[in-house]
Protein backbone atom coordinates (compact mmCIF):
# COMPACT_ATOMS: atom_id res chain seq x y z
CA MET A 1 0.03 0.02 0.00
CA LEU A 2 2.94 2.37 0.56
CA GLU A 3 4.12 1.91 -2.79
CA GLN A 4 0.81 3.07 -4.15
CA TYR A 5 1.08 6.28 -1.91
CA ALA A 6 4.59 6.85 -3.22
CA GLU A 7 3.50 6.55 -6.78
CA LEU A 8 0.55 9.05 -6.15
CA LEU A 9 3.13 11.60 -4.81
CA LYS A 10 5.65 11.02 -7.68
CA THR A 11 2.74 11.62 -10.13
CA GLY A 12 1.68 15.10 -8.55
CA GLY A 13 -0.71 13.87 -5.81
CA VAL A 14 -0.88 14.96 -2.22
CA VAL A 15 -0.80 12.42 0.50
CA ALA A 16 -0.92 12.88 4.27
CA PHE A 17 1.37 10.67 6.32
CA PRO A 18 2.48 10.33 9.90
CA THR A 19 5.57 11.53 11.68
CA GLU A 20 6.75 11.46 15.33
CA THR A 21 5.42 14.96 15.75
CA VAL A 22 2.11 15.37 13.83
CA TYR A 23 0.71 14.18 10.44
CA GLY A 24 2.11 15.94 7.46
CA LEU A 25 0.55 16.99 4.11
CA GLY A 26 3.04 15.56 1.77
CA ALA A 27 3.87 16.60 -1.87
CA SER A 28 6.89 16.47 -3.93
CA ALA A 29 9.58 19.20 -3.10
CA TRP A 30 10.45 19.34 -6.69
CA ASN A 31 6.84 19.77 -8.35
CA PRO A 32 5.58 23.28 -8.19
CA GLU A 33 2.01 22.14 -8.97
CA SER A 34 2.04 19.60 -6.20
CA VAL A 35 3.22 22.23 -3.70
CA MET A 36 0.57 24.65 -4.87
CA LYS A 37 -1.99 21.82 -4.21
CA VAL A 38 -0.76 21.90 -0.54
CA PHE A 39 -1.07 25.62 -0.12
CA SER A 40 -4.73 25.38 -1.75
CA LEU A 41 -5.82 22.34 0.29
CA LYS A 42 -4.68 24.07 3.71
CA GLY A 43 -5.77 27.46 2.77
CA ARG A 44 -2.19 28.45 3.80
CA PRO A 45 -0.79 31.91 3.10
CA SER A 46 1.74 31.74 0.32
CA ASP A 47 4.39 33.70 2.49
CA ASN A 48 4.50 30.92 5.22
CA PRO A 49 7.42 28.66 4.43
CA LEU A 50 7.20 24.97 4.17
CA ILE A 51 9.61 22.36 5.65
CA VAL A 52 11.19 19.82 3.32
CA HIS A 53 11.23 16.14 4.74
CA VAL A 54 14.15 13.89 3.75
CA SER A 55 15.34 10.54 4.46
CA SER A 56 18.88 10.72 3.81
CA PHE A 57 21.86 13.09 4.24
CA SER A 58 22.32 13.05 0.46
CA MET A 59 18.78 14.37 0.03
CA LEU A 60 19.75 17.23 2.44
CA GLU A 61 22.72 18.08 0.16
CA ASP A 62 20.49 18.58 -2.82
CA PHE A 63 18.80 21.58 -0.81
CA ALA A 64 21.55 23.14 1.30
CA VAL A 65 24.40 25.31 -0.01
CA GLU A 66 26.51 24.66 3.01
CA ILE A 67 26.12 22.36 5.97
CA PRO A 68 28.20 23.91 8.82
CA ASP A 69 30.12 21.61 11.17
CA LYS A 70 27.96 22.26 14.03
CA ALA A 71 24.89 21.45 12.00
CA ILE A 72 26.34 18.07 11.29
CA LYS A 73 26.90 17.50 15.15
CA LEU A 74 23.12 18.28 15.60
CA ILE A 75 22.29 15.99 12.64
CA ASP A 76 24.27 13.24 14.22
CA ALA A 77 22.77 13.72 17.71
CA PHE A 78 19.04 14.37 16.66
CA TRP A 79 18.23 13.07 13.17
CA PRO A 80 15.97 11.37 12.51
CA GLY A 81 13.95 13.39 14.95
CA PRO A 82 12.00 16.58 15.84
CA LEU A 83 14.56 19.07 14.80
CA THR A 84 14.30 21.08 11.70
CA LEU A 85 17.41 23.03 10.48
CA VAL A 86 17.31 26.12 8.40
CA PHE A 87 20.26 26.34 5.71
CA LYS A 88 21.14 28.68 2.84
CA LYS A 89 19.22 27.20 -0.09
CA LYS A 90 20.48 25.97 -3.36
CA PRO A 91 19.18 27.91 -6.61
CA LYS A 92 17.18 25.09 -7.72
CA VAL A 93 14.99 25.11 -4.58
CA LEU A 94 11.46 26.27 -5.37
CA ASP A 95 10.72 29.74 -4.06
CA LEU A 96 7.30 28.42 -3.33
CA ILE A 97 8.79 26.46 -0.51
CA THR A 98 10.78 29.11 1.11
CA GLY A 99 8.42 32.02 0.80
CA GLY A 100 10.93 33.68 -1.66
CA MET A 101 13.62 33.81 1.04
CA ASP A 102 17.15 32.67 0.50
CA THR A 103 17.07 29.75 3.18
CA VAL A 104 15.10 26.43 3.32
CA ALA A 105 14.11 24.50 6.34
CA VAL A 106 14.79 20.72 6.33
CA ARG A 107 14.32 17.75 8.68
CA MET A 108 14.47 14.01 8.78
CA PRO A 109 11.32 12.61 10.49
CA ASP A 110 11.78 9.93 13.13
CA HIS A 111 9.01 7.42 11.84
CA GLU A 112 9.43 4.33 9.84
CA LEU A 113 6.45 4.68 7.53
CA ALA A 114 7.56 8.35 6.81
CA LEU A 115 11.14 7.47 6.21
CA SER A 116 10.09 4.66 3.85
CA LEU A 117 7.66 6.84 1.91
CA ILE A 118 10.29 9.61 1.40
CA SER A 119 12.91 7.09 0.31
CA GLN A 120 10.60 5.95 -2.39
CA ALA A 121 8.89 9.13 -3.43
CA GLY A 122 11.76 11.55 -3.06
CA PRO A 123 11.91 14.52 -0.62
CA LEU A 124 8.48 15.97 0.42
CA VAL A 125 7.26 19.31 1.64
CA ALA A 126 5.02 18.52 4.45
CA PRO A 127 3.18 21.10 6.60
CA SER A 128 0.69 19.71 9.09
CA ALA A 129 -2.22 17.87 7.35
CA ASN A 130 -4.93 20.26 8.67
CA LYS A 131 -6.94 23.21 7.49
CA SER A 132 -4.63 26.46 8.35
CA GLY A 133 -5.10 27.82 11.63
CA LYS A 134 -6.79 24.76 13.23
CA PRO A 135 -5.16 22.10 15.61
CA SER A 136 -2.46 20.02 13.97
CA PRO A 137 -3.56 16.48 13.39
CA THR A 138 -2.00 13.70 15.53
CA ARG A 139 -4.25 11.05 14.39
CA PRO A 140 -5.37 9.86 11.03
CA GLU A 141 -9.07 10.48 11.85
CA HIS A 142 -8.04 14.28 12.34
CA VAL A 143 -7.01 14.35 8.73
CA LEU A 144 -9.95 12.77 7.43
CA HIS A 145 -12.26 15.11 9.44
CA ASP A 146 -10.34 18.14 7.80
CA PHE A 147 -10.09 16.81 4.21
CA GLY A 148 -12.84 14.14 3.75
CA ASP A 149 -13.17 10.33 4.37
CA ASP A 150 -11.44 9.65 0.88
CA PHE A 151 -8.43 11.62 1.41
CA PRO A 152 -5.22 9.51 0.96
CA VAL A 153 -3.72 9.00 4.39
CA VAL A 154 -0.84 6.71 5.52
CA ASN A 155 -2.24 5.31 8.75
CA GLY A 156 0.47 5.27 11.49
CA GLY A 157 -1.88 5.66 14.48
CA GLU A 158 -1.30 8.22 17.07
CA CYS A 159 1.83 10.54 16.89
CA ARG A 160 4.30 9.86 19.50
CA ILE A 161 5.25 13.47 20.47
CA GLY A 162 2.16 15.51 19.16
CA LEU A 163 3.78 18.89 18.94
CA GLU A 164 5.58 20.24 15.88
CA SER A 165 9.36 20.08 15.54
CA THR A 166 11.94 22.52 16.85
CA VAL A 167 13.09 24.90 14.04
CA LEU A 168 16.73 26.09 14.40
CA ASP A 169 18.51 28.49 11.94
CA VAL A 170 22.04 27.33 11.61
CA THR A 171 22.85 30.29 9.15
CA SER A 172 23.02 32.77 11.83
CA ALA A 173 25.79 33.33 14.62
CA PRO A 174 24.71 32.25 17.20
CA PHE A 175 22.15 29.77 15.97
CA GLN A 176 18.53 30.96 16.55
CA ILE A 177 15.43 28.87 17.52
CA TYR A 178 12.49 30.08 15.45
CA ARG A 179 9.88 27.78 16.91
CA PRO A 180 10.33 25.68 20.24
CA GLY A 181 9.73 21.91 19.95
CA TYR A 182 10.73 18.76 21.77
CA ILE A 183 14.35 19.19 21.13
CA SER A 184 15.13 21.96 23.64
CA LYS A 185 17.67 25.02 23.73
CA VAL A 186 19.43 23.16 26.50
CA GLN A 187 19.90 19.94 24.45
CA ILE A 188 21.08 21.95 21.34
CA LYS A 189 23.58 23.95 23.50
CA SER A 190 25.01 20.76 24.87
CA VAL A 191 25.77 19.34 21.41
CA ILE A 192 27.19 22.52 19.91
CA LYS A 193 28.88 23.78 22.97
CA SER A 194 27.99 27.51 22.16
CA HIS A 195 25.23 30.04 22.70
CA VAL A 196 21.66 29.57 21.08
CA SER A 197 19.32 32.40 20.99
CA ILE A 198 15.50 32.65 20.69
CA TYR A 199 14.48 34.60 17.68
CA GLN A 200 11.76 37.35 18.34
CA GLN A 201 9.69 38.38 15.15
CA LYS A 202 7.22 41.23 15.79
CA PRO A 203 3.50 40.48 14.74
CA GLU A 204 3.70 43.22 11.93
CA ALA A 205 6.99 41.72 10.42
CA GLY A 206 6.96 40.48 6.73
CA THR A 207 7.67 36.91 5.67
CA PRO A 208 7.94 34.62 8.59
CA ARG A 209 11.45 33.04 9.04
CA SER A 210 9.79 29.68 9.51
CA PRO A 211 6.41 27.90 9.84
CA GLY A 212 4.70 28.59 13.16
CA MET A 213 5.88 32.22 13.63
CA LYS A 214 3.60 34.85 12.29
CA TYR A 215 0.18 33.55 12.20
CA THR A 216 -2.43 32.47 14.82
CA HIS A 217 -2.23 28.63 15.01
CA TYR A 218 -3.46 25.52 16.56
CA SER A 219 -6.69 27.11 17.50
CA PRO A 220 -9.98 25.03 18.14
CA ASN A 221 -13.35 26.70 17.62
CA ALA A 222 -13.70 26.64 21.51
CA VAL A 223 -12.36 29.59 23.38
CA VAL A 224 -8.81 28.66 24.88
CA ARG A 225 -7.87 30.46 28.07
CA TRP A 226 -5.83 30.06 31.08
CA LEU A 227 -7.46 29.14 34.60
CA ASN A 228 -7.91 31.94 37.02
CA ASP A 229 -8.94 32.16 40.63
CA ASP A 230 -12.58 32.66 39.91
CA ASP A 231 -12.94 29.43 37.98
CA ASN A 232 -14.97 26.82 40.32
CA PHE A 233 -14.55 23.75 37.92
CA SER A 234 -18.31 23.33 37.59
CA LYS A 235 -18.83 24.42 33.95
CA GLU A 236 -20.29 21.59 31.92
CA SER A 237 -19.72 23.78 28.94
CA ALA A 238 -15.92 23.89 29.48
CA VAL A 239 -13.10 21.35 29.22
CA TYR A 240 -10.41 21.76 32.06
CA LEU A 241 -6.84 20.68 31.48
CA LEU A 242 -5.07 20.45 34.86
CA HIS A 243 -1.38 19.32 35.59
CA ASP A 244 -0.74 20.06 39.11
CA LYS A 245 -3.77 21.34 40.95
CA GLU A 246 -5.81 18.43 42.67
CA ILE A 247 -9.46 18.95 42.30
CA LYS A 248 -12.26 16.58 43.23
CA THR A 249 -15.39 17.16 41.04
CA SER A 250 -17.97 15.04 39.25
CA ASN A 251 -17.52 17.21 36.06
CA LYS A 252 -16.61 14.69 33.40
CA HIS A 253 -14.80 17.44 31.39
CA LEU A 254 -12.01 17.96 33.87
CA LEU A 255 -8.93 16.18 32.80
CA HIS A 256 -5.77 15.71 35.02
CA TYR A 257 -2.44 15.10 33.79
CA HIS A 258 -0.68 14.60 37.22
CA ASN A 259 2.53 16.38 36.02
CA ASP A 260 2.86 14.30 33.03
CA TYR A 261 3.86 17.03 30.50
CA ASP A 262 4.97 14.82 27.74
CA LEU A 263 1.44 13.27 27.88
CA LEU A 264 -0.26 16.73 27.84
CA ALA A 265 1.65 17.66 24.93
CA LYS A 266 0.95 14.56 23.07
CA GLU A 267 -2.77 14.91 23.78
CA LEU A 268 -3.17 18.57 23.37
CA TYR A 269 -4.43 19.06 19.87
CA ASP A 270 -6.71 15.72 20.18
CA ARG A 271 -8.23 17.46 23.28
CA PHE A 272 -8.89 20.78 21.15
CA ARG A 273 -10.51 18.71 18.41
CA GLN A 274 -12.60 16.53 20.84
CA ALA A 275 -13.68 19.69 22.49
CA ASP A 276 -15.10 21.03 19.28
CA LEU A 277 -16.73 17.74 18.42
CA GLN A 278 -18.41 17.72 21.76
CA GLY A 279 -19.50 21.41 21.21
CA VAL A 280 -17.67 22.64 24.21
CA GLY A 281 -17.44 26.45 24.43
CA GLU A 282 -14.20 26.82 26.41
CA ILE A 283 -11.04 24.97 27.08
CA ILE A 284 -9.45 26.17 30.35
CA ILE A 285 -5.88 25.31 31.06
CA GLU A 286 -3.98 25.38 34.35
CA PRO A 287 -1.02 27.80 33.97
CA PHE A 288 2.63 26.60 34.46
CA SER A 289 4.84 28.22 37.10
CA ASP A 290 8.25 29.39 36.09
CA THR A 291 9.72 26.57 38.30
CA ILE A 292 7.95 23.88 36.39
CA ILE A 293 8.89 25.47 32.89
CA ALA A 294 12.46 25.62 33.93
CA ASN A 295 12.41 21.91 34.91
CA HIS A 296 10.54 20.41 31.91
CA PRO A 297 12.08 21.39 28.59
CA ILE A 298 8.88 20.32 26.66
CA LEU A 299 6.88 23.17 28.49
CA HIS A 300 8.54 25.73 26.20
CA ALA A 301 6.99 24.14 23.18
CA LEU A 302 3.79 23.42 24.96
CA LEU A 303 3.45 27.02 26.32
CA ASN A 304 4.08 28.35 22.74
CA ARG A 305 1.42 26.41 21.34
CA ILE A 306 -1.12 27.32 23.81
CA GLN A 307 -0.35 30.90 23.71
CA LYS A 308 -0.89 30.75 20.01
CA ALA A 309 -4.05 29.03 20.35
CA ILE A 310 -5.15 31.82 22.87
CA GLY A 311 -4.16 34.36 20.28
CA LEU A 312 -1.27 36.13 22.53
CA SER A 313 1.95 37.05 21.39
CA VAL A 314 4.65 34.69 22.40
CA LYS A 315 7.04 36.40 24.89
């Protein structure tokens, strides 16, 4: 069956496939018509760059002009895995993919089905397989909900991580994180033995440097907000996502993660989508203390996604 999906991709089609982060909407990175289909299907702004997914180092060399020594160290440490690296692009790389910029974002997903598909079909652009602005899909049924029951999806079950990859620019000095993810700043610094900065893009800035920076993302139809002191956990029209506070209640919409932040990250988008299917009006999330954030690296990414869903500027 995977061979049929690979053939569809090679002949200009679009196929959703699983990665360890979220499901991607795959199309040939060398076919401009296929890439345009991805933008059209998602309703994605054309200035929002796409990430190229590869299955080998030789594929990366087709896109990057130069691969710095520190980037090779990161590749050795974290590929395949949830780390996207931004390189200076070769002239043949489609401007459609890069938003007209001189850089290209590339990663190697840590998923057997994804790597096999890419090996057969060639490098793929693969933004999250959802309608733009909505929660990313972490299950095949999420993709089918957005694009219809007949849409081609490689079924890999539930994604292992559930949040999009870290995006790191390796063309700058110091390297800059454009989007936090499962691979943390601390982990990156431990490999390259040098400073890493967090890029801050103003909301009014032009073309975003990478996916997930400029536009409001990850939002369900329900209102997402932080828990406050006035909340009494009795609303049947709200879903409560708690991680630390212990509450005894009969409210079936109160979910407690007992400080398992990896599980909360893995299930966040599914909780968003389930709330919409249930017609819930609010998703109320317990805030994270500075101490918790400092001790759990995944929370930098989780906080980023929640703030995007709420519609706040990420600090």
